[in-house]
Amino acid sequence: MSSGLFNSKPLHISQADSFEISIEKFLHGLGFVENKEWSFIGSFGKKEFSGDVDIAILHDDLEFWIQTFEKWGYEFKVCKGFNQISFGYPFE
C-alpha cells in the first residue's frame, strides 16, 4: 500500500496497456485530453510492478476532484498544501 490508500495494490507491467486505456477513458470522460492536460509521471510501465501510478493533471480546482471522487465513492486523500489529491482508481 505505497500510496497510503487502503485498497491499493501493485500493478504488474503486463497490465500497463489496459490500465492506460482505462484511465484514458476515465479522464476523457471528465473532459481531459491525453498529452495536453494530463500525463503519466514516474516509473509506471517501466518496472515489473508499480506500487502506485502517478498522473499529473493540469487542473486548478481541487474541489472539483473532491466532489467527483465523493460522488463516485472513490477512496481518496487530499493534501491541500500542495494542491494535490491521491485516489484509488478501480481497476481489475
C-alpha atoms as a PDB file:
ATOM      1  CA  MET A   1       0.000   0.000   0.000  1.00  0.00           C
ATOM      2  CA  SER A   2       2.634   2.523  -1.013  1.00  0.00           C
ATOM      3  CA  SER A   3       0.068   5.203  -1.807  1.00  0.00           C
ATOM      4  CA  GLY A   4      -1.388   5.058   1.684  1.00  0.00           C
ATOM      5  CA  LEU A   5      -4.815   4.131   0.324  1.00  0.00           C
ATOM      6  CA  PHE A   6      -6.492   1.159   1.967  1.00  0.00           C
ATOM      7  CA  ASN A   7      -7.485  -0.697  -1.230  1.00  0.00           C
ATOM      8  CA  SER A   8      -4.264  -0.005  -3.142  1.00  0.00           C
ATOM      9  CA  LYS A   9      -2.490  -2.928  -4.792  1.00  0.00           C
ATOM     10  CA  PRO A  10       0.542  -3.198  -7.099  1.00  0.00           C
ATOM     11  CA  LEU A  11       0.058  -3.133 -10.860  1.00  0.00           C
ATOM     12  CA  HIS A  12       2.082  -5.605 -12.959  1.00  0.00           C
ATOM     13  CA  ILE A  13       3.738  -4.322 -16.138  1.00  0.00           C
ATOM     14  CA  SER A  14       1.591  -6.746 -18.167  1.00  0.00           C
ATOM     15  CA  GLN A  15      -1.433  -4.680 -17.057  1.00  0.00           C
ATOM     16  CA  ALA A  16       0.072  -1.326 -18.099  1.00  0.00           C
ATOM     17  CA  ASP A  17      -1.543  -1.085 -21.549  1.00  0.00           C
ATOM     18  CA  SER A  18      -5.040  -1.993 -20.388  1.00  0.00           C
ATOM     19  CA  PHE A  19      -4.702   0.313 -17.371  1.00  0.00           C
ATOM     20  CA  GLU A  20      -3.628   3.185 -19.622  1.00  0.00           C
ATOM     21  CA  ILE A  21      -6.662   2.646 -21.871  1.00  0.00           C
ATOM     22  CA  SER A  22      -8.959   2.511 -18.851  1.00  0.00           C
ATOM     23  CA  ILE A  23      -7.616   5.674 -17.191  1.00  0.00           C
ATOM     24  CA  GLU A  24      -7.598   7.492 -20.546  1.00  0.00           C
ATOM     25  CA  LYS A  25     -11.319   6.767 -20.976  1.00  0.00           C
ATOM     26  CA  PHE A  26     -11.970   7.884 -17.394  1.00  0.00           C
ATOM     27  CA  LEU A  27     -10.110  11.196 -17.807  1.00  0.00           C
ATOM     28  CA  HIS A  28     -11.515  11.779 -21.290  1.00  0.00           C
ATOM     29  CA  GLY A  29     -14.998  11.431 -19.805  1.00  0.00           C
ATOM     30  CA  LEU A  30     -14.111  14.291 -17.451  1.00  0.00           C
ATOM     31  CA  GLY A  31     -13.022  16.449 -20.389  1.00  0.00           C
ATOM     32  CA  PHE A  32      -9.252  15.893 -20.273  1.00  0.00           C
ATOM     33  CA  VAL A  33      -7.212  15.161 -23.394  1.00  0.00           C
ATOM     34  CA  GLU A  34      -4.063  12.999 -23.264  1.00  0.00           C
ATOM     35  CA  ASN A  35      -0.687  14.739 -23.707  1.00  0.00           C
ATOM     36  CA  LYS A  36      -2.251  18.159 -23.236  1.00  0.00           C
ATOM     37  CA  GLU A  37      -3.848  18.207 -19.814  1.00  0.00           C
ATOM     38  CA  TRP A  38      -2.578  15.016 -18.168  1.00  0.00           C
ATOM     39  CA  SER A  39       0.296  12.565 -18.380  1.00  0.00           C
ATOM     40  CA  PHE A  40       1.828   9.637 -16.535  1.00  0.00           C
ATOM     41  CA  ILE A  41       4.863  10.503 -14.457  1.00  0.00           C
ATOM     42  CA  GLY A  42       7.278   8.338 -12.531  1.00  0.00           C
ATOM     43  CA  SER A  43       8.002   4.681 -13.204  1.00  0.00           C
ATOM     44  CA  PHE A  44       4.609   3.478 -14.478  1.00  0.00           C
ATOM     45  CA  GLY A  45       5.106   0.793 -17.144  1.00  0.00           C
ATOM     46  CA  LYS A  46       8.893   0.798 -16.688  1.00  0.00           C
ATOM     47  CA  LYS A  47       9.277  -1.598 -13.760  1.00  0.00           C
ATOM     48  CA  GLU A  48       7.837  -5.096 -13.289  1.00  0.00           C
ATOM     49  CA  PHE A  49       5.483  -3.802 -10.578  1.00  0.00           C
ATOM     50  CA  SER A  50       4.204  -0.299  -9.886  1.00  0.00           C
ATOM     51  CA  GLY A  51       3.185   0.265  -6.279  1.00  0.00           C
ATOM     52  CA  ASP A  52       1.125   3.190  -7.453  1.00  0.00           C
ATOM     53  CA  VAL A  53       0.586   5.139 -10.655  1.00  0.00           C
ATOM     54  CA  ASP A  54       1.356   8.850 -10.670  1.00  0.00           C
ATOM     55  CA  ILE A  55      -0.567  11.056 -13.064  1.00  0.00           C
ATOM     56  CA  ALA A  56      -0.080  14.793 -13.356  1.00  0.00           C
ATOM     57  CA  ILE A  57      -3.256  16.663 -14.259  1.00  0.00           C
ATOM     58  CA  LEU A  58      -3.413  20.309 -15.226  1.00  0.00           C
ATOM     59  CA  HIS A  59      -6.379  21.474 -13.168  1.00  0.00           C
ATOM     60  CA  ASP A  60      -6.646  24.295 -10.643  1.00  0.00           C
ATOM     61  CA  ASP A  61      -9.873  23.280  -8.907  1.00  0.00           C
ATOM     62  CA  LEU A  62      -9.092  20.743  -6.184  1.00  0.00           C
ATOM     63  CA  GLU A  63     -12.698  20.955  -5.007  1.00  0.00           C
ATOM     64  CA  PHE A  64     -13.817  19.572  -8.414  1.00  0.00           C
ATOM     65  CA  TRP A  65     -11.839  16.383  -7.733  1.00  0.00           C
ATOM     66  CA  ILE A  66     -13.055  16.082  -4.150  1.00  0.00           C
ATOM     67  CA  GLN A  67     -16.683  16.335  -5.282  1.00  0.00           C
ATOM     68  CA  THR A  68     -16.106  13.941  -8.201  1.00  0.00           C
ATOM     69  CA  PHE A  69     -14.492  11.244  -6.052  1.00  0.00           C
ATOM     70  CA  GLU A  70     -17.080  11.630  -3.284  1.00  0.00           C
ATOM     71  CA  LYS A  71     -19.872  11.317  -5.858  1.00  0.00           C
ATOM     72  CA  TRP A  72     -18.423   8.086  -7.267  1.00  0.00           C
ATOM     73  CA  GLY A  73     -17.401   6.671  -3.896  1.00  0.00           C
ATOM     74  CA  TYR A  74     -13.677   6.540  -4.722  1.00  0.00           C
ATOM     75  CA  GLU A  75     -11.183   6.335  -1.892  1.00  0.00           C
ATOM     76  CA  PHE A  76      -9.012   9.471  -1.852  1.00  0.00           C
ATOM     77  CA  LYS A  77      -6.667  11.597   0.245  1.00  0.00           C
ATOM     78  CA  VAL A  78      -6.195  15.357  -0.075  1.00  0.00           C
ATOM     79  CA  CYS A  79      -3.047  17.372   0.541  1.00  0.00           C
ATOM     80  CA  LYS A  80      -4.361  20.932   0.194  1.00  0.00           C
ATOM     81  CA  GLY A  81      -0.978  22.487   0.983  1.00  0.00           C
ATOM     82  CA  PHE A  82       0.362  21.027  -2.262  1.00  0.00           C
ATOM     83  CA  ASN A  83      -2.965  21.281  -4.134  1.00  0.00           C
ATOM     84  CA  GLN A  84      -2.732  17.519  -4.641  1.00  0.00           C
ATOM     85  CA  ILE A  85      -5.118  14.594  -4.405  1.00  0.00           C
ATOM     86  CA  SER A  86      -4.464  10.845  -4.424  1.00  0.00           C
ATOM     87  CA  PHE A  87      -7.257   8.465  -5.336  1.00  0.00           C
ATOM     88  CA  GLY A  88      -7.877   4.781  -5.687  1.00  0.00           C
ATOM     89  CA  TYR A  89      -8.905   4.080  -9.262  1.00  0.00           C
ATOM     90  CA  PRO A  90     -10.906   0.835  -9.520  1.00  0.00           C
ATOM     91  CA  PHE A  91      -9.051  -1.371 -11.967  1.00  0.00           C
ATOM     92  CA  GLU A  92      -9.052  -5.149 -12.273  1.00  0.00           C
END
